[in-house]
Amino acid sequence: MAPGGIINKEEIESRIAYLDHDTGHPATSNAELRGSPFRKAATPSTGNPGKQSTSNMQDLLDCPVCFTIMYPPIFQCPNGHTLCSHCRARVKNSCPICRGELGNIRCLALEKIAESIELPCKYQSMGCCDIFPYYSKPKHEKNCKYRPYNCPYAGAECSVTGDIPLLVKHLRNEHKVDMHDGCTFNHRYVKSDPREIDNATWMLTVFNCFGRQFCLHFETFHLGMSPVYMAFLRFMGTEDEAREFSYSLEVGGNGRKLTWQGVPRSIRDSHQKVRDSQDGLIIQRNLALFFSGGERQELKLKVSGRIWKEQ
């Protein structure tokens, strides 16, 4: 260790390597955190006039292993080395700094100090100008409107994140998603072998409506033991913004009709979460084949819909 107890870069790197080697976790996440623009704000925030974060205190609260801010419970070894609860669970009761036995000691003094400081939102570099009391910061960041969105193209398990304009461009250029203008739509889904549930592909279409973007999903899966088709809408924006809109879906044939009306879900909710909640138009396979007509050998579903803005 360097004089005065200061940890130099080489020591930190060796500790991370030791930690990841010892626990079997890859070092990628640590490297990403060190290079992330969200690790620490570069300049004081102006979102709360007259108040600034205390950078020295913030340094004390940085976990020396993962380099993120520690929140209670904060742990320390008998020699006083602190680390966050996440890293403590990874090091198998061995302090990654002095290699001593970690034990179950809480650093209550540091937790108490944390109550007196304020910190900028970690999305400051993306436009958030506010700072928050230490214990309020995580709650804000979970709902911060500047928090990046995940790509809604769940079929590829895409890891791209960004703001809405970036994701729209990404969907169009990388995923080749169909883009349509207008608040009404008619889509026809055809499948030659409707009994292939497990290998069925799902579809995504993006609509530009009221100057915003909406994702129409259509897919097939098993609901319990029953094969079903499902259509639902997600809004490319926050949950509060999504509640400003409503939509309806309709499917039918042979003189029958099935309708659904609801509020689009924000893409903050994952594709899987919305699907599992069954928050959309669900069509049993037998009914879908009845709508398709013929000898029920081919799926031919026409789904129409409308999006409107609530007053």
C-alpha atoms as a PDB file:
ATOM      1  CA  MET A   1       0.000   0.000   0.000  1.00  0.00           C
ATOM      2  CA  ALA A   2       1.206   3.512  -0.803  1.00  0.00           C
ATOM      3  CA  PRO A   3       2.226   5.844   2.040  1.00  0.00           C
ATOM      4  CA  GLY A   4      -0.612   7.303   4.030  1.00  0.00           C
ATOM      5  CA  GLY A   5      -2.955   4.441   3.220  1.00  0.00           C
ATOM      6  CA  ILE A   6      -3.636   5.652  -0.347  1.00  0.00           C
ATOM      7  CA  ILE A   7      -4.464   2.815  -2.709  1.00  0.00           C
ATOM      8  CA  ASN A   8      -2.703   3.136  -6.044  1.00  0.00           C
ATOM      9  CA  LYS A   9      -4.031   1.963  -9.389  1.00  0.00           C
ATOM     10  CA  GLU A  10      -1.872  -1.174  -9.540  1.00  0.00           C
ATOM     11  CA  GLU A  11      -3.126  -2.342  -6.153  1.00  0.00           C
ATOM     12  CA  ILE A  12      -6.751  -1.792  -7.142  1.00  0.00           C
ATOM     13  CA  GLU A  13      -6.258  -3.741 -10.372  1.00  0.00           C
ATOM     14  CA  SER A  14      -4.652  -6.635  -8.510  1.00  0.00           C
ATOM     15  CA  ARG A  15      -7.497  -6.717  -6.000  1.00  0.00           C
ATOM     16  CA  ILE A  16     -10.103  -6.826  -8.732  1.00  0.00           C
ATOM     17  CA  ALA A  17      -8.196  -9.615 -10.466  1.00  0.00           C
ATOM     18  CA  TYR A  18      -7.925 -11.489  -7.183  1.00  0.00           C
ATOM     19  CA  LEU A  19     -11.602 -10.958  -6.410  1.00  0.00           C
ATOM     20  CA  ASP A  20     -12.821 -12.142  -9.797  1.00  0.00           C
ATOM     21  CA  HIS A  21     -10.396 -15.049  -9.942  1.00  0.00           C
ATOM     22  CA  ASP A  22     -11.345 -16.197  -6.466  1.00  0.00           C
ATOM     23  CA  THR A  23     -15.098 -15.969  -6.998  1.00  0.00           C
ATOM     24  CA  GLY A  24     -15.393 -16.914 -10.622  1.00  0.00           C
ATOM     25  CA  HIS A  25     -16.960 -13.587 -11.636  1.00  0.00           C
ATOM     26  CA  PRO A  26     -15.696 -11.884 -14.809  1.00  0.00           C
ATOM     27  CA  ALA A  27     -13.833  -8.595 -14.482  1.00  0.00           C
ATOM     28  CA  THR A  28     -15.822  -7.021 -17.292  1.00  0.00           C
ATOM     29  CA  SER A  29     -18.386  -5.393 -15.030  1.00  0.00           C
ATOM     30  CA  ASN A  30     -15.693  -3.710 -12.947  1.00  0.00           C
ATOM     31  CA  ALA A  31     -13.991  -2.383 -16.055  1.00  0.00           C
ATOM     32  CA  GLU A  32     -17.257  -1.019 -17.339  1.00  0.00           C
ATOM     33  CA  LEU A  33     -17.913   0.707 -14.042  1.00  0.00           C
ATOM     34  CA  ARG A  34     -14.483   2.304 -14.021  1.00  0.00           C
ATOM     35  CA  GLY A  35     -15.025   3.647 -17.520  1.00  0.00           C
ATOM     36  CA  SER A  36     -18.640   4.638 -17.006  1.00  0.00           C
ATOM     37  CA  PRO A  37     -19.541   8.325 -17.199  1.00  0.00           C
ATOM     38  CA  PHE A  38     -22.062   7.645 -14.437  1.00  0.00           C
ATOM     39  CA  ARG A  39     -19.493   6.695 -11.782  1.00  0.00           C
ATOM     40  CA  LYS A  40     -19.091  10.219 -10.490  1.00  0.00           C
ATOM     41  CA  ALA A  41     -20.272  13.632 -11.628  1.00  0.00           C
ATOM     42  CA  ALA A  42     -17.508  15.796 -13.049  1.00  0.00           C
ATOM     43  CA  THR A  43     -19.024  19.102 -11.985  1.00  0.00           C
ATOM     44  CA  PRO A  44     -21.375  20.260  -9.219  1.00  0.00           C
ATOM     45  CA  SER A  45     -25.056  20.185 -10.106  1.00  0.00           C
ATOM     46  CA  THR A  46     -27.056  23.370 -10.522  1.00  0.00           C
ATOM     47  CA  GLY A  47     -30.438  21.659 -10.207  1.00  0.00           C
ATOM     48  CA  ASN A  48     -30.773  22.540  -6.529  1.00  0.00           C
ATOM     49  CA  PRO A  49     -29.525  26.146  -6.067  1.00  0.00           C
ATOM     50  CA  GLY A  50     -27.317  26.774  -3.069  1.00  0.00           C
ATOM     51  CA  LYS A  51     -26.500  23.087  -2.515  1.00  0.00           C
ATOM     52  CA  GLN A  52     -23.527  21.091  -3.750  1.00  0.00           C
ATOM     53  CA  SER A  53     -22.324  17.563  -3.165  1.00  0.00           C
ATOM     54  CA  THR A  54     -19.338  16.988  -0.901  1.00  0.00           C
ATOM     55  CA  SER A  55     -16.766  15.350  -3.137  1.00  0.00           C
ATOM     56  CA  ASN A  56     -14.453  14.299  -0.296  1.00  0.00           C
ATOM     57  CA  MET A  57     -17.282  12.520   1.460  1.00  0.00           C
ATOM     58  CA  GLN A  58     -18.306  10.921  -1.804  1.00  0.00           C
ATOM     59  CA  ASP A  59     -14.806   9.511  -2.180  1.00  0.00           C
ATOM     60  CA  LEU A  60     -15.156   7.863   1.217  1.00  0.00           C
ATOM     61  CA  LEU A  61     -18.345   6.183   0.072  1.00  0.00           C
ATOM     62  CA  ASP A  62     -16.844   4.700  -3.095  1.00  0.00           C
ATOM     63  CA  CYS A  63     -16.418   0.953  -2.750  1.00  0.00           C
ATOM     64  CA  PRO A  64     -12.684   0.243  -3.327  1.00  0.00           C
ATOM     65  CA  VAL A  65     -13.543  -2.941  -5.212  1.00  0.00           C
ATOM     66  CA  CYS A  66     -16.381  -2.161  -7.632  1.00  0.00           C
ATOM     67  CA  PHE A  67     -15.939   1.659  -7.538  1.00  0.00           C
ATOM     68  CA  THR A  68     -19.662   2.333  -7.088  1.00  0.00           C
ATOM     69  CA  ILE A  69     -21.196   4.283  -4.195  1.00  0.00           C
ATOM     70  CA  MET A  70     -21.872   2.160  -1.118  1.00  0.00           C
ATOM     71  CA  TYR A  71     -25.298   2.119   0.492  1.00  0.00           C
ATOM     72  CA  PRO A  72     -26.203   0.501   3.811  1.00  0.00           C
ATOM     73  CA  PRO A  73     -25.375  -2.010   4.922  1.00  0.00           C
ATOM     74  CA  ILE A  74     -21.703  -0.989   4.603  1.00  0.00           C
ATOM     75  CA  PHE A  75     -19.251  -3.534   5.959  1.00  0.00           C
ATOM     76  CA  GLN A  76     -15.684  -3.310   7.221  1.00  0.00           C
ATOM     77  CA  CYS A  77     -12.958  -5.715   8.185  1.00  0.00           C
ATOM     78  CA  PRO A  78     -11.214  -5.502  11.622  1.00  0.00           C
ATOM     79  CA  ASN A  79      -8.558  -3.288   9.991  1.00  0.00           C
ATOM     80  CA  GLY A  80     -11.170  -0.743   8.906  1.00  0.00           C
ATOM     81  CA  HIS A  81     -11.320  -1.502   5.179  1.00  0.00           C
ATOM     82  CA  THR A  82     -14.873  -0.946   3.906  1.00  0.00           C
ATOM     83  CA  LEU A  83     -16.752  -2.434   1.003  1.00  0.00           C
ATOM     84  CA  CYS A  84     -20.322  -2.621  -0.266  1.00  0.00           C
ATOM     85  CA  SER A  85     -22.732  -5.429   0.551  1.00  0.00           C
ATOM     86  CA  HIS A  86     -22.631  -6.723  -3.039  1.00  0.00           C
ATOM     87  CA  CYS A  87     -18.854  -7.141  -3.022  1.00  0.00           C
ATOM     88  CA  ARG A  88     -18.929  -8.618   0.477  1.00  0.00           C
ATOM     89  CA  ALA A  89     -21.103 -11.436  -0.847  1.00  0.00           C
ATOM     90  CA  ARG A  90     -18.499 -12.159  -3.526  1.00  0.00           C
ATOM     91  CA  VAL A  91     -15.279 -12.274  -1.496  1.00  0.00           C
ATOM     92  CA  LYS A  92     -16.106 -15.329   0.641  1.00  0.00           C
ATOM     93  CA  ASN A  93     -15.462 -13.587   3.980  1.00  0.00           C
ATOM     94  CA  SER A  94     -11.951 -12.463   2.983  1.00  0.00           C
ATOM     95  CA  CYS A  95     -11.127  -8.753   2.870  1.00  0.00           C
ATOM     96  CA  PRO A  96      -9.936  -8.038  -0.696  1.00  0.00           C
ATOM     97  CA  ILE A  97      -7.554  -5.350   0.591  1.00  0.00           C
ATOM     98  CA  CYS A  98      -5.720  -6.935   3.526  1.00  0.00           C
ATOM     99  CA  ARG A  99      -6.858 -10.530   3.000  1.00  0.00           C
ATOM    100  CA  GLY A 100      -7.953 -10.708   6.644  1.00  0.00           C
ATOM    101  CA  GLU A 101     -11.155 -12.337   7.787  1.00  0.00           C
ATOM    102  CA  LEU A 102     -14.018 -10.005   6.985  1.00  0.00           C
ATOM    103  CA  GLY A 103     -16.581 -11.053   9.549  1.00  0.00           C
ATOM    104  CA  ASN A 104     -19.933  -9.325   9.898  1.00  0.00           C
ATOM    105  CA  ILE A 105     -18.927  -5.859  11.108  1.00  0.00           C
ATOM    106  CA  ARG A 106     -21.064  -2.907  10.034  1.00  0.00           C
ATOM    107  CA  CYS A 107     -19.387   0.452   9.481  1.00  0.00           C
ATOM    108  CA  LEU A 108     -22.020   2.444  11.345  1.00  0.00           C
ATOM    109  CA  ALA A 109     -19.902   5.625  11.460  1.00  0.00           C
ATOM    110  CA  LEU A 110     -19.692   5.811   7.661  1.00  0.00           C
ATOM    111  CA  GLU A 111     -23.394   5.075   7.337  1.00  0.00           C
ATOM    112  CA  LYS A 112     -24.075   7.934   9.774  1.00  0.00           C
ATOM    113  CA  ILE A 113     -21.805  10.325   7.843  1.00  0.00           C
ATOM    114  CA  ALA A 114     -23.716   9.472   4.674  1.00  0.00           C
ATOM    115  CA  GLU A 115     -26.881  10.962   6.132  1.00  0.00           C
ATOM    116  CA  SER A 116     -25.368  14.468   6.007  1.00  0.00           C
ATOM    117  CA  ILE A 117     -24.286  14.615   2.363  1.00  0.00           C
ATOM    118  CA  GLU A 118     -25.947  15.133  -1.013  1.00  0.00           C
ATOM    119  CA  LEU A 119     -24.911  13.612  -4.304  1.00  0.00           C
ATOM    120  CA  PRO A 120     -25.710  14.290  -7.966  1.00  0.00           C
ATOM    121  CA  CYS A 121     -27.833  11.889  -9.954  1.00  0.00           C
ATOM    122  CA  LYS A 122     -25.633   9.385 -11.780  1.00  0.00           C
ATOM    123  CA  TYR A 123     -27.393  10.378 -15.001  1.00  0.00           C
ATOM    124  CA  GLN A 124     -26.078  13.925 -14.743  1.00  0.00           C
ATOM    125  CA  SER A 125     -24.088  13.508 -17.945  1.00  0.00           C
ATOM    126  CA  MET A 126     -27.342  12.686 -19.749  1.00  0.00           C
ATOM    127  CA  GLY A 127     -29.111  15.846 -18.593  1.00  0.00           C
ATOM    128  CA  CYS A 128     -30.317  15.399 -14.997  1.00  0.00           C
ATOM    129  CA  CYS A 129     -29.329  18.510 -13.022  1.00  0.00           C
ATOM    130  CA  ASP A 130     -30.613  17.545  -9.577  1.00  0.00           C
ATOM    131  CA  ILE A 131     -28.747  16.430  -6.482  1.00  0.00           C
ATOM    132  CA  PHE A 132     -30.295  14.407  -3.671  1.00  0.00           C
ATOM    133  CA  PRO A 133     -29.794  13.393  -0.067  1.00  0.00           C
ATOM    134  CA  TYR A 134     -27.683  10.265   0.070  1.00  0.00           C
ATOM    135  CA  TYR A 135     -30.523   7.936   1.025  1.00  0.00           C
ATOM    136  CA  SER A 136     -32.952   9.412  -1.551  1.00  0.00           C
ATOM    137  CA  LYS A 137     -30.602   9.104  -4.521  1.00  0.00           C
ATOM    138  CA  PRO A 138     -31.255   5.419  -5.403  1.00  0.00           C
ATOM    139  CA  LYS A 139     -35.037   5.923  -5.460  1.00  0.00           C
ATOM    140  CA  HIS A 140     -34.703   8.903  -7.783  1.00  0.00           C
ATOM    141  CA  GLU A 141     -32.301   7.124 -10.133  1.00  0.00           C
ATOM    142  CA  LYS A 142     -34.687   4.201 -10.450  1.00  0.00           C
ATOM    143  CA  ASN A 143     -37.300   6.575 -11.885  1.00  0.00           C
ATOM    144  CA  CYS A 144     -35.093   9.311 -13.370  1.00  0.00           C
ATOM    145  CA  LYS A 145     -36.459  10.418 -16.729  1.00  0.00           C
ATOM    146  CA  TYR A 146     -32.896  10.616 -18.054  1.00  0.00           C
ATOM    147  CA  ARG A 147     -32.185   6.964 -17.274  1.00  0.00           C
ATOM    148  CA  PRO A 148     -31.343   5.130 -20.523  1.00  0.00           C
ATOM    149  CA  TYR A 149     -33.936   2.796 -21.980  1.00  0.00           C
ATOM    150  CA  ASN A 150     -33.304  -0.797 -23.015  1.00  0.00           C
ATOM    151  CA  CYS A 151     -33.814  -1.797 -26.616  1.00  0.00           C
ATOM    152  CA  PRO A 152     -37.411  -3.123 -26.931  1.00  0.00           C
ATOM    153  CA  TYR A 153     -36.408  -5.722 -29.530  1.00  0.00           C
ATOM    154  CA  ALA A 154     -36.502  -8.552 -27.013  1.00  0.00           C
ATOM    155  CA  GLY A 155     -36.388 -11.309 -29.603  1.00  0.00           C
ATOM    156  CA  ALA A 156     -32.658 -10.789 -30.053  1.00  0.00           C
ATOM    157  CA  GLU A 157     -31.956 -10.183 -26.357  1.00  0.00           C
ATOM    158  CA  CYS A 158     -30.381  -6.938 -27.458  1.00  0.00           C
ATOM    159  CA  SER A 159     -28.193  -5.201 -24.867  1.00  0.00           C
ATOM    160  CA  VAL A 160     -28.214  -1.726 -26.494  1.00  0.00           C
ATOM    161  CA  THR A 161     -29.390   1.133 -24.258  1.00  0.00           C
ATOM    162  CA  GLY A 162     -29.907   4.818 -24.937  1.00  0.00           C
ATOM    163  CA  ASP A 163     -32.433   7.602 -25.305  1.00  0.00           C
ATOM    164  CA  ILE A 164     -35.526   7.261 -27.502  1.00  0.00           C
ATOM    165  CA  PRO A 165     -34.113   8.852 -30.707  1.00  0.00           C
ATOM    166  CA  LEU A 166     -31.081   6.568 -30.513  1.00  0.00           C
ATOM    167  CA  LEU A 167     -33.242   3.465 -30.012  1.00  0.00           C
ATOM    168  CA  VAL A 168     -35.589   4.379 -32.878  1.00  0.00           C
ATOM    169  CA  LYS A 169     -32.602   4.689 -35.195  1.00  0.00           C
ATOM    170  CA  HIS A 170     -31.167   1.460 -33.818  1.00  0.00           C
ATOM    171  CA  LEU A 171     -34.430  -0.456 -34.392  1.00  0.00           C
ATOM    172  CA  ARG A 172     -34.680   0.797 -37.956  1.00  0.00           C
ATOM    173  CA  ASN A 173     -31.055   0.265 -38.965  1.00  0.00           C
ATOM    174  CA  GLU A 174     -29.953  -2.758 -36.941  1.00  0.00           C
ATOM    175  CA  HIS A 175     -33.138  -4.768 -36.434  1.00  0.00           C
ATOM    176  CA  LYS A 176     -34.843  -3.692 -39.681  1.00  0.00           C
ATOM    177  CA  VAL A 177     -38.100  -3.073 -37.820  1.00  0.00           C
ATOM    178  CA  ASP A 178     -41.048  -1.812 -39.874  1.00  0.00           C
ATOM    179  CA  MET A 179     -41.796   1.847 -39.158  1.00  0.00           C
ATOM    180  CA  HIS A 180     -45.255   3.284 -39.825  1.00  0.00           C
ATOM    181  CA  ASP A 181     -46.808   6.717 -39.417  1.00  0.00           C
ATOM    182  CA  GLY A 182     -50.333   7.097 -38.124  1.00  0.00           C
ATOM    183  CA  CYS A 183     -52.539   6.195 -35.175  1.00  0.00           C
ATOM    184  CA  THR A 184     -54.544   3.408 -36.824  1.00  0.00           C
ATOM    185  CA  PHE A 185     -53.241   0.174 -38.261  1.00  0.00           C
ATOM    186  CA  ASN A 186     -54.206  -3.107 -39.869  1.00  0.00           C
ATOM    187  CA  HIS A 187     -51.762  -5.975 -39.786  1.00  0.00           C
ATOM    188  CA  ARG A 188     -52.114  -9.476 -41.138  1.00  0.00           C
ATOM    189  CA  TYR A 189     -50.198 -12.340 -39.560  1.00  0.00           C
ATOM    190  CA  VAL A 190     -49.861 -15.507 -41.594  1.00  0.00           C
ATOM    191  CA  LYS A 191     -48.253 -18.778 -40.529  1.00  0.00           C
ATOM    192  CA  SER A 192     -48.291 -21.919 -42.653  1.00  0.00           C
ATOM    193  CA  ASP A 193     -48.119 -24.329 -39.699  1.00  0.00           C
ATOM    194  CA  PRO A 194     -49.973 -22.825 -36.725  1.00  0.00           C
ATOM    195  CA  ARG A 195     -49.144 -25.845 -34.568  1.00  0.00           C
ATOM    196  CA  GLU A 196     -45.482 -24.828 -34.354  1.00  0.00           C
ATOM    197  CA  ILE A 197     -45.609 -22.870 -31.124  1.00  0.00           C
ATOM    198  CA  ASP A 198     -42.099 -23.324 -29.804  1.00  0.00           C
ATOM    199  CA  ASN A 199     -40.430 -22.235 -33.041  1.00  0.00           C
ATOM    200  CA  ALA A 200     -42.836 -19.442 -33.885  1.00  0.00           C
ATOM    201  CA  THR A 201     -41.286 -16.037 -34.377  1.00  0.00           C
ATOM    202  CA  TRP A 202     -42.649 -12.876 -32.821  1.00  0.00           C
ATOM    203  CA  MET A 203     -43.014  -9.580 -34.630  1.00  0.00           C
ATOM    204  CA  LEU A 204     -42.408  -5.950 -33.713  1.00  0.00           C
ATOM    205  CA  THR A 205     -43.719  -2.903 -35.548  1.00  0.00           C
ATOM    206  CA  VAL A 206     -43.092   0.708 -34.503  1.00  0.00           C
ATOM    207  CA  PHE A 207     -45.726   3.404 -35.028  1.00  0.00           C
ATOM    208  CA  ASN A 208     -45.069   7.141 -35.045  1.00  0.00           C
ATOM    209  CA  CYS A 209     -48.155   8.739 -33.538  1.00  0.00           C
ATOM    210  CA  PHE A 210     -48.676  12.117 -31.796  1.00  0.00           C
ATOM    211  CA  GLY A 211     -44.956  12.716 -32.243  1.00  0.00           C
ATOM    212  CA  ARG A 212     -44.153   9.645 -30.119  1.00  0.00           C
ATOM    213  CA  GLN A 213     -43.311   6.013 -30.831  1.00  0.00           C
ATOM    214  CA  PHE A 214     -45.306   2.884 -29.956  1.00  0.00           C
ATOM    215  CA  CYS A 215     -44.184  -0.752 -30.293  1.00  0.00           C
ATOM    216  CA  LEU A 216     -46.761  -3.308 -31.413  1.00  0.00           C
ATOM    217  CA  HIS A 217     -45.802  -6.852 -30.401  1.00  0.00           C
ATOM    218  CA  PHE A 218     -47.390 -10.019 -31.744  1.00  0.00           C
ATOM    219  CA  GLU A 219     -46.216 -13.485 -30.734  1.00  0.00           C
ATOM    220  CA  THR A 220     -47.201 -16.998 -29.785  1.00  0.00           C
ATOM    221  CA  PHE A 221     -46.298 -18.997 -26.703  1.00  0.00           C
ATOM    222  CA  HIS A 222     -47.720 -21.489 -24.212  1.00  0.00           C
ATOM    223  CA  LEU A 223     -49.942 -20.156 -21.452  1.00  0.00           C
ATOM    224  CA  GLY A 224     -49.844 -23.074 -19.077  1.00  0.00           C
ATOM    225  CA  MET A 225     -50.518 -26.017 -21.368  1.00  0.00           C
ATOM    226  CA  SER A 226     -52.494 -24.005 -23.916  1.00  0.00           C
ATOM    227  CA  PRO A 227     -50.912 -22.406 -27.004  1.00  0.00           C
ATOM    228  CA  VAL A 228     -51.994 -18.782 -27.412  1.00  0.00           C
ATOM    229  CA  TYR A 229     -51.335 -15.735 -29.571  1.00  0.00           C
ATOM    230  CA  MET A 230     -50.883 -12.344 -27.970  1.00  0.00           C
ATOM    231  CA  ALA A 231     -50.740  -8.749 -29.197  1.00  0.00           C
ATOM    232  CA  PHE A 232     -49.861  -5.783 -26.991  1.00  0.00           C
ATOM    233  CA  LEU A 233     -48.535  -2.249 -27.220  1.00  0.00           C
ATOM    234  CA  ARG A 234     -45.549  -0.659 -25.468  1.00  0.00           C
ATOM    235  CA  PHE A 235     -44.778   3.046 -25.339  1.00  0.00           C
ATOM    236  CA  MET A 236     -41.288   4.376 -25.947  1.00  0.00           C
ATOM    237  CA  GLY A 237     -41.121   6.687 -22.948  1.00  0.00           C
ATOM    238  CA  THR A 238     -41.792   6.800 -19.228  1.00  0.00           C
ATOM    239  CA  GLU A 239     -44.666   5.168 -17.360  1.00  0.00           C
ATOM    240  CA  ASP A 240     -46.260   8.541 -16.607  1.00  0.00           C
ATOM    241  CA  GLU A 241     -46.129   9.503 -20.280  1.00  0.00           C
ATOM    242  CA  ALA A 242     -47.594   6.148 -21.305  1.00  0.00           C
ATOM    243  CA  ARG A 243     -50.669   6.792 -19.146  1.00  0.00           C
ATOM    244  CA  GLU A 244     -51.525   9.753 -21.382  1.00  0.00           C
ATOM    245  CA  PHE A 245     -52.504   7.319 -24.142  1.00  0.00           C
ATOM    246  CA  SER A 246     -54.920   4.449 -24.723  1.00  0.00           C
ATOM    247  CA  TYR A 247     -55.224   1.884 -27.479  1.00  0.00           C
ATOM    248  CA  SER A 248     -57.555  -0.778 -28.787  1.00  0.00           C
ATOM    249  CA  LEU A 249     -56.906  -4.015 -30.670  1.00  0.00           C
ATOM    250  CA  GLU A 250     -59.397  -6.072 -32.629  1.00  0.00           C
ATOM    251  CA  VAL A 251     -59.204  -9.459 -34.325  1.00  0.00           C
ATOM    252  CA  GLY A 252     -61.995 -11.459 -35.924  1.00  0.00           C
ATOM    253  CA  GLY A 253     -63.405 -13.546 -38.736  1.00  0.00           C
ATOM    254  CA  ASN A 254     -66.356 -15.759 -39.637  1.00  0.00           C
ATOM    255  CA  GLY A 255     -68.745 -13.253 -38.139  1.00  0.00           C
ATOM    256  CA  ARG A 256     -66.947 -13.163 -34.753  1.00  0.00           C
ATOM    257  CA  LYS A 257     -64.844 -10.447 -33.215  1.00  0.00           C
ATOM    258  CA  LEU A 258     -62.539 -10.155 -30.196  1.00  0.00           C
ATOM    259  CA  THR A 259     -61.495  -6.731 -28.865  1.00  0.00           C
ATOM    260  CA  TRP A 260     -59.081  -5.375 -26.290  1.00  0.00           C
ATOM    261  CA  GLN A 261     -58.669  -1.894 -24.858  1.00  0.00           C
ATOM    262  CA  GLY A 262     -55.934  -0.775 -22.517  1.00  0.00           C
ATOM    263  CA  VAL A 263     -53.105   1.588 -21.708  1.00  0.00           C
ATOM    264  CA  PRO A 264     -49.741   0.980 -23.405  1.00  0.00           C
ATOM    265  CA  ARG A 265     -46.972  -0.196 -21.119  1.00  0.00           C
ATOM    266  CA  SER A 266     -43.726   1.748 -20.965  1.00  0.00           C
ATOM    267  CA  ILE A 267     -40.645   0.052 -22.386  1.00  0.00           C
ATOM    268  CA  ARG A 268     -39.302   0.455 -18.848  1.00  0.00           C
ATOM    269  CA  ASP A 269     -41.236  -2.785 -18.357  1.00  0.00           C
ATOM    270  CA  SER A 270     -39.439  -5.580 -20.139  1.00  0.00           C
ATOM    271  CA  HIS A 271     -41.040  -7.467 -22.977  1.00  0.00           C
ATOM    272  CA  GLN A 272     -41.076 -10.596 -20.822  1.00  0.00           C
ATOM    273  CA  LYS A 273     -42.755  -8.796 -17.910  1.00  0.00           C
ATOM    274  CA  VAL A 274     -45.582  -7.460 -20.076  1.00  0.00           C
ATOM    275  CA  ARG A 275     -46.100 -10.811 -21.749  1.00  0.00           C
ATOM    276  CA  ASP A 276     -46.183 -12.693 -18.447  1.00  0.00           C
ATOM    277  CA  SER A 277     -48.677 -10.208 -17.018  1.00  0.00           C
ATOM    278  CA  GLN A 278     -51.038 -11.043 -19.927  1.00  0.00           C
ATOM    279  CA  ASP A 279     -51.716  -7.314 -20.322  1.00  0.00           C
ATOM    280  CA  GLY A 280     -52.900  -7.440 -23.918  1.00  0.00           C
ATOM    281  CA  LEU A 281     -55.105  -9.165 -26.479  1.00  0.00           C
ATOM    282  CA  ILE A 282     -54.858 -12.940 -25.951  1.00  0.00           C
ATOM    283  CA  ILE A 283     -56.255 -15.331 -28.559  1.00  0.00           C
ATOM    284  CA  GLN A 284     -56.553 -19.055 -27.923  1.00  0.00           C
ATOM    285  CA  ARG A 285     -55.202 -21.100 -30.829  1.00  0.00           C
ATOM    286  CA  ASN A 286     -58.522 -22.800 -31.587  1.00  0.00           C
ATOM    287  CA  LEU A 287     -60.225 -19.410 -31.780  1.00  0.00           C
ATOM    288  CA  ALA A 288     -57.392 -18.011 -33.905  1.00  0.00           C
ATOM    289  CA  LEU A 289     -57.811 -20.899 -36.360  1.00  0.00           C
ATOM    290  CA  PHE A 290     -61.574 -20.314 -36.391  1.00  0.00           C
ATOM    291  CA  PHE A 291     -60.953 -16.671 -37.261  1.00  0.00           C
ATOM    292  CA  SER A 292     -58.619 -17.826 -40.047  1.00  0.00           C
ATOM    293  CA  GLY A 293     -61.378 -19.805 -41.798  1.00  0.00           C
ATOM    294  CA  GLY A 294     -60.704 -22.553 -44.310  1.00  0.00           C
ATOM    295  CA  GLU A 295     -59.706 -25.984 -43.035  1.00  0.00           C
ATOM    296  CA  ARG A 296     -57.752 -24.591 -40.077  1.00  0.00           C
ATOM    297  CA  GLN A 297     -54.489 -25.585 -41.747  1.00  0.00           C
ATOM    298  CA  GLU A 298     -53.078 -22.074 -41.917  1.00  0.00           C
ATOM    299  CA  LEU A 299     -53.119 -19.118 -39.561  1.00  0.00           C
ATOM    300  CA  LYS A 300     -54.426 -15.918 -41.127  1.00  0.00           C
ATOM    301  CA  LEU A 301     -55.119 -13.280 -38.505  1.00  0.00           C
ATOM    302  CA  LYS A 302     -55.962  -9.672 -39.228  1.00  0.00           C
ATOM    303  CA  VAL A 303     -55.270  -7.435 -36.241  1.00  0.00           C
ATOM    304  CA  SER A 304     -56.475  -3.857 -36.403  1.00  0.00           C
ATOM    305  CA  GLY A 305     -55.897  -1.157 -33.828  1.00  0.00           C
ATOM    306  CA  ARG A 306     -56.099   2.480 -32.871  1.00  0.00           C
ATOM    307  CA  ILE A 307     -54.083   4.728 -30.558  1.00  0.00           C
ATOM    308  CA  TRP A 308     -55.516   7.871 -29.028  1.00  0.00           C
ATOM    309  CA  LYS A 309     -54.481  10.486 -26.513  1.00  0.00           C
ATOM    310  CA  GLU A 310     -56.489  10.919 -23.345  1.00  0.00           C
ATOM    311  CA  GLN A 311     -57.720  14.415 -22.572  1.00  0.00           C
END
